[in-house]
Amino acid sequence: MHKLGVFFVWLGLVLSIVGVAVGFWLMLTRGIGTFWMALVPVGFVSLVAGVTLTQLYRE
């Protein structure tokens, strides 16, 4: 479970960073980007779930 938690932490970080970067870039250049910005809450939930899993199931 610890490894799954670490995976979710990394997944959450990547989704949040990519969602913010690509979403803002598309909003500023083309006026769209809502799909990419929608990845940010998903990434945050994944990040919180990963931290919780790593704290509950330490090696």
PDB file of N, CA and C in Angstrom:
ATOM      1  N   MET A   1       0.814  -1.188   0.000  1.00  0.00           N
ATOM      2  CA  MET A   1       0.000   0.000   0.000  1.00  0.00           C
ATOM      3  C   MET A   1       0.862   1.258   0.000  1.00  0.00           C
ATOM      4  N   HIS A   2       2.035   1.161   0.600  1.00  0.00           N
ATOM      5  CA  HIS A   2       2.919   2.315   0.633  1.00  0.00           C
ATOM      6  C   HIS A   2       3.343   2.715  -0.788  1.00  0.00           C
ATOM      7  N   LYS A   3       3.667   1.727  -1.612  1.00  0.00           N
ATOM      8  CA  LYS A   3       4.077   2.020  -2.987  1.00  0.00           C
ATOM      9  C   LYS A   3       2.924   2.605  -3.793  1.00  0.00           C
ATOM     10  N   LEU A   4       1.709   2.144  -3.533  1.00  0.00           N
ATOM     11  CA  LEU A   4       0.538   2.708  -4.202  1.00  0.00           C
ATOM     12  C   LEU A   4       0.336   4.163  -3.789  1.00  0.00           C
ATOM     13  N   GLY A   5       0.564   4.458  -2.531  1.00  0.00           N
ATOM     14  CA  GLY A   5       0.469   5.828  -2.053  1.00  0.00           C
ATOM     15  C   GLY A   5       1.485   6.743  -2.702  1.00  0.00           C
ATOM     16  N   VAL A   6       2.706   6.257  -2.835  1.00  0.00           N
ATOM     17  CA  VAL A   6       3.754   7.049  -3.489  1.00  0.00           C
ATOM     18  C   VAL A   6       3.390   7.278  -4.957  1.00  0.00           C
ATOM     19  N   PHE A   7       2.838   6.262  -5.606  1.00  0.00           N
ATOM     20  CA  PHE A   7       2.395   6.411  -6.991  1.00  0.00           C
ATOM     21  C   PHE A   7       1.316   7.486  -7.108  1.00  0.00           C
ATOM     22  N   PHE A   8       0.347   7.486  -6.189  1.00  0.00           N
ATOM     23  CA  PHE A   8      -0.718   8.482  -6.226  1.00  0.00           C
ATOM     24  C   PHE A   8      -0.182   9.894  -5.952  1.00  0.00           C
ATOM     25  N   VAL A   9       0.813  10.005  -5.099  1.00  0.00           N
ATOM     26  CA  VAL A   9       1.415  11.313  -4.848  1.00  0.00           C
ATOM     27  C   VAL A   9       2.056  11.851  -6.123  1.00  0.00           C
ATOM     28  N   TRP A  10       2.847  11.025  -6.786  1.00  0.00           N
ATOM     29  CA  TRP A  10       3.490  11.466  -8.023  1.00  0.00           C
ATOM     30  C   TRP A  10       2.464  11.753  -9.116  1.00  0.00           C
ATOM     31  N   LEU A  11       1.442  10.916  -9.212  1.00  0.00           N
ATOM     32  CA  LEU A  11       0.396  11.130 -10.203  1.00  0.00           C
ATOM     33  C   LEU A  11      -0.332  12.451  -9.938  1.00  0.00           C
ATOM     34  N   GLY A  12      -0.639  12.720  -8.685  1.00  0.00           N
ATOM     35  CA  GLY A  12      -1.308  13.963  -8.323  1.00  0.00           C
ATOM     36  C   GLY A  12      -0.472  15.183  -8.626  1.00  0.00           C
ATOM     37  N   LEU A  13       0.817  15.103  -8.339  1.00  0.00           N
ATOM     38  CA  LEU A  13       1.706  16.227  -8.648  1.00  0.00           C
ATOM     39  C   LEU A  13       1.778  16.491 -10.145  1.00  0.00           C
ATOM     40  N   VAL A  14       1.916  15.430 -10.922  1.00  0.00           N
ATOM     41  CA  VAL A  14       2.016  15.587 -12.370  1.00  0.00           C
ATOM     42  C   VAL A  14       0.718  16.141 -12.944  1.00  0.00           C
ATOM     43  N   LEU A  15      -0.425  15.600 -12.520  1.00  0.00           N
ATOM     44  CA  LEU A  15      -1.703  16.084 -13.033  1.00  0.00           C
ATOM     45  C   LEU A  15      -1.932  17.551 -12.680  1.00  0.00           C
ATOM     46  N   SER A  16      -1.595  17.925 -11.474  1.00  0.00           N
ATOM     47  CA  SER A  16      -1.797  19.316 -11.058  1.00  0.00           C
ATOM     48  C   SER A  16      -0.892  20.274 -11.822  1.00  0.00           C
ATOM     49  N   ILE A  17       0.372  19.932 -11.944  1.00  0.00           N
ATOM     50  CA  ILE A  17       1.312  20.820 -12.624  1.00  0.00           C
ATOM     51  C   ILE A  17       0.985  20.928 -14.110  1.00  0.00           C
ATOM     52  N   VAL A  18       0.713  19.803 -14.745  1.00  0.00           N
ATOM     53  CA  VAL A  18       0.389  19.830 -16.175  1.00  0.00           C
ATOM     54  C   VAL A  18      -0.937  20.544 -16.403  1.00  0.00           C
ATOM     55  N   GLY A  19      -1.914  20.291 -15.550  1.00  0.00           N
ATOM     56  CA  GLY A  19      -3.206  20.949 -15.699  1.00  0.00           C
ATOM     57  C   GLY A  19      -3.116  22.454 -15.590  1.00  0.00           C
ATOM     58  N   VAL A  20      -2.367  22.951 -14.625  1.00  0.00           N
ATOM     59  CA  VAL A  20      -2.221  24.398 -14.462  1.00  0.00           C
ATOM     60  C   VAL A  20      -1.418  24.998 -15.615  1.00  0.00           C
ATOM     61  N   ALA A  21      -0.307  24.375 -15.963  1.00  0.00           N
ATOM     62  CA  ALA A  21       0.557  24.936 -17.004  1.00  0.00           C
ATOM     63  C   ALA A  21      -0.140  24.961 -18.363  1.00  0.00           C
ATOM     64  N   VAL A  22      -0.653  23.834 -18.798  1.00  0.00           N
ATOM     65  CA  VAL A  22      -1.291  23.766 -20.114  1.00  0.00           C
ATOM     66  C   VAL A  22      -2.610  24.533 -20.108  1.00  0.00           C
ATOM     67  N   GLY A  23      -3.363  24.433 -19.024  1.00  0.00           N
ATOM     68  CA  GLY A  23      -4.647  25.122 -18.955  1.00  0.00           C
ATOM     69  C   GLY A  23      -4.503  26.627 -19.043  1.00  0.00           C
ATOM     70  N   PHE A  24      -3.575  27.196 -18.290  1.00  0.00           N
ATOM     71  CA  PHE A  24      -3.375  28.651 -18.359  1.00  0.00           C
ATOM     72  C   PHE A  24      -2.824  29.070 -19.714  1.00  0.00           C
ATOM     73  N   TRP A  25      -1.922  28.273 -20.265  1.00  0.00           N
ATOM     74  CA  TRP A  25      -1.364  28.611 -21.574  1.00  0.00           C
ATOM     75  C   TRP A  25      -2.463  28.629 -22.639  1.00  0.00           C
ATOM     76  N   LEU A  26      -3.334  27.617 -22.628  1.00  0.00           N
ATOM     77  CA  LEU A  26      -4.423  27.588 -23.608  1.00  0.00           C
ATOM     78  C   LEU A  26      -5.447  28.692 -23.359  1.00  0.00           C
ATOM     79  N   MET A  27      -5.707  29.014 -22.097  1.00  0.00           N
ATOM     80  CA  MET A  27      -6.654  30.094 -21.819  1.00  0.00           C
ATOM     81  C   MET A  27      -6.121  31.449 -22.292  1.00  0.00           C
ATOM     82  N   LEU A  28      -4.843  31.668 -22.122  1.00  0.00           N
ATOM     83  CA  LEU A  28      -4.272  32.953 -22.522  1.00  0.00           C
ATOM     84  C   LEU A  28      -4.094  33.068 -24.034  1.00  0.00           C
ATOM     85  N   THR A  29      -3.817  31.967 -24.711  1.00  0.00           N
ATOM     86  CA  THR A  29      -3.552  32.047 -26.144  1.00  0.00           C
ATOM     87  C   THR A  29      -4.800  31.818 -26.995  1.00  0.00           C
ATOM     88  N   ARG A  30      -5.639  30.862 -26.629  1.00  0.00           N
ATOM     89  CA  ARG A  30      -6.779  30.511 -27.475  1.00  0.00           C
ATOM     90  C   ARG A  30      -8.134  30.723 -26.818  1.00  0.00           C
ATOM     91  N   GLY A  31      -8.156  30.979 -25.544  1.00  0.00           N
ATOM     92  CA  GLY A  31      -9.415  31.194 -24.855  1.00  0.00           C
ATOM     93  C   GLY A  31     -10.102  29.925 -24.391  1.00  0.00           C
ATOM     94  N   ILE A  32      -9.451  28.786 -24.598  1.00  0.00           N
ATOM     95  CA  ILE A  32      -9.996  27.510 -24.122  1.00  0.00           C
ATOM     96  C   ILE A  32      -8.963  26.885 -23.189  1.00  0.00           C
ATOM     97  N   GLY A  33      -9.335  25.861 -22.529  1.00  0.00           N
ATOM     98  CA  GLY A  33      -8.400  25.190 -21.621  1.00  0.00           C
ATOM     99  C   GLY A  33      -9.105  24.628 -20.417  1.00  0.00           C
ATOM    100  N   THR A  34     -10.434  24.550 -20.493  1.00  0.00           N
ATOM    101  CA  THR A  34     -11.197  24.078 -19.342  1.00  0.00           C
ATOM    102  C   THR A  34     -10.942  22.604 -19.047  1.00  0.00           C
ATOM    103  N   PHE A  35     -10.700  21.807 -20.091  1.00  0.00           N
ATOM    104  CA  PHE A  35     -10.413  20.390 -19.848  1.00  0.00           C
ATOM    105  C   PHE A  35      -9.139  20.231 -19.038  1.00  0.00           C
ATOM    106  N   TRP A  36      -8.109  20.978 -19.408  1.00  0.00           N
ATOM    107  CA  TRP A  36      -6.834  20.866 -18.711  1.00  0.00           C
ATOM    108  C   TRP A  36      -6.910  21.419 -17.300  1.00  0.00           C
ATOM    109  N   MET A  37      -7.679  22.477 -17.117  1.00  0.00           N
ATOM    110  CA  MET A  37      -7.851  23.027 -15.776  1.00  0.00           C
ATOM    111  C   MET A  37      -8.670  22.086 -14.893  1.00  0.00           C
ATOM    112  N   ALA A  38      -9.501  21.255 -15.496  1.00  0.00           N
ATOM    113  CA  ALA A  38     -10.278  20.284 -14.725  1.00  0.00           C
ATOM    114  C   ALA A  38      -9.397  19.173 -14.170  1.00  0.00           C
ATOM    115  N   LEU A  39      -8.191  19.028 -14.671  1.00  0.00           N
ATOM    116  CA  LEU A  39      -7.268  18.028 -14.136  1.00  0.00           C
ATOM    117  C   LEU A  39      -6.697  18.429 -12.777  1.00  0.00           C
ATOM    118  N   VAL A  40      -6.734  19.707 -12.458  1.00  0.00           N
ATOM    119  CA  VAL A  40      -6.145  20.186 -11.204  1.00  0.00           C
ATOM    120  C   VAL A  40      -6.873  19.614  -9.976  1.00  0.00           C
ATOM    121  N   PRO A  41      -8.223  19.655  -9.899  1.00  0.00           N
ATOM    122  CA  PRO A  41      -8.871  19.041  -8.732  1.00  0.00           C
ATOM    123  C   PRO A  41      -8.671  17.532  -8.661  1.00  0.00           C
ATOM    124  N   VAL A  42      -8.618  16.888  -9.817  1.00  0.00           N
ATOM    125  CA  VAL A  42      -8.369  15.435  -9.832  1.00  0.00           C
ATOM    126  C   VAL A  42      -6.971  15.145  -9.296  1.00  0.00           C
ATOM    127  N   GLY A  43      -6.017  15.962  -9.698  1.00  0.00           N
ATOM    128  CA  GLY A  43      -4.660  15.801  -9.193  1.00  0.00           C
ATOM    129  C   GLY A  43      -4.561  16.071  -7.704  1.00  0.00           C
ATOM    130  N   PHE A  44      -5.312  17.064  -7.226  1.00  0.00           N
ATOM    131  CA  PHE A  44      -5.288  17.366  -5.793  1.00  0.00           C
ATOM    132  C   PHE A  44      -5.877  16.220  -4.976  1.00  0.00           C
ATOM    133  N   VAL A  45      -6.975  15.645  -5.443  1.00  0.00           N
ATOM    134  CA  VAL A  45      -7.579  14.510  -4.738  1.00  0.00           C
ATOM    135  C   VAL A  45      -6.635  13.318  -4.747  1.00  0.00           C
ATOM    136  N   SER A  46      -5.978  13.083  -5.869  1.00  0.00           N
ATOM    137  CA  SER A  46      -5.002  12.001  -5.945  1.00  0.00           C
ATOM    138  C   SER A  46      -3.830  12.246  -5.002  1.00  0.00           C
ATOM    139  N   LEU A  47      -3.396  13.478  -4.911  1.00  0.00           N
ATOM    140  CA  LEU A  47      -2.296  13.830  -4.007  1.00  0.00           C
ATOM    141  C   LEU A  47      -2.678  13.596  -2.551  1.00  0.00           C
ATOM    142  N   VAL A  48      -3.864  14.015  -2.160  1.00  0.00           N
ATOM    143  CA  VAL A  48      -4.321  13.813  -0.781  1.00  0.00           C
ATOM    144  C   VAL A  48      -4.487  12.322  -0.479  1.00  0.00           C
ATOM    145  N   ALA A  49      -5.033  11.572  -1.428  1.00  0.00           N
ATOM    146  CA  ALA A  49      -5.193  10.132  -1.231  1.00  0.00           C
ATOM    147  C   ALA A  49      -3.838   9.442  -1.107  1.00  0.00           C
ATOM    148  N   GLY A  50      -2.881   9.864  -1.905  1.00  0.00           N
ATOM    149  CA  GLY A  50      -1.545   9.282  -1.826  1.00  0.00           C
ATOM    150  C   GLY A  50      -0.850   9.567  -0.513  1.00  0.00           C
ATOM    151  N   VAL A  51      -0.966  10.800  -0.030  1.00  0.00           N
ATOM    152  CA  VAL A  51      -0.359  11.136   1.265  1.00  0.00           C
ATOM    153  C   VAL A  51      -1.021  10.346   2.382  1.00  0.00           C
ATOM    154  N   THR A  52      -2.326  10.192   2.307  1.00  0.00           N
ATOM    155  CA  THR A  52      -3.042   9.423   3.314  1.00  0.00           C
ATOM    156  C   THR A  52      -2.611   7.959   3.308  1.00  0.00           C
ATOM    157  N   LEU A  53      -2.495   7.381   2.124  1.00  0.00           N
ATOM    158  CA  LEU A  53      -2.061   5.987   2.034  1.00  0.00           C
ATOM    159  C   LEU A  53      -0.640   5.797   2.557  1.00  0.00           C
ATOM    160  N   THR A  54       0.253   6.716   2.252  1.00  0.00           N
ATOM    161  CA  THR A  54       1.614   6.559   2.729  1.00  0.00           C
ATOM    162  C   THR A  54       1.717   6.731   4.240  1.00  0.00           C
ATOM    163  N   GLN A  55       0.867   7.552   4.819  1.00  0.00           N
ATOM    164  CA  GLN A  55       0.902   7.739   6.271  1.00  0.00           C
ATOM    165  C   GLN A  55       0.246   6.572   7.003  1.00  0.00           C
ATOM    166  N   LEU A  56      -0.772   5.987   6.421  1.00  0.00           N
ATOM    167  CA  LEU A  56      -1.452   4.877   7.075  1.00  0.00           C
ATOM    168  C   LEU A  56      -0.648   3.581   7.005  1.00  0.00           C
ATOM    169  N   TYR A  57       0.044   3.379   5.915  1.00  0.00           N
ATOM    170  CA  TYR A  57       0.738   2.109   5.704  1.00  0.00           C
ATOM    171  C   TYR A  57       2.219   2.349   5.512  1.00  0.00           C
ATOM    172  N   ARG A  58       2.895   2.764   6.547  1.00  0.00           N
ATOM    173  CA  ARG A  58       4.339   2.956   6.467  1.00  0.00           C
ATOM    174  C   ARG A  58       5.042   1.624   6.483  1.00  0.00           C
ATOM    175  N   GLU A  59       6.190   1.574   5.802  1.00  0.00           N
ATOM    176  CA  GLU A  59       6.978   0.352   5.760  1.00  0.00           C
ATOM    177  C   GLU A  59       7.773   0.179   7.034  1.00  0.00           C
TER     178      GLU A  59
END
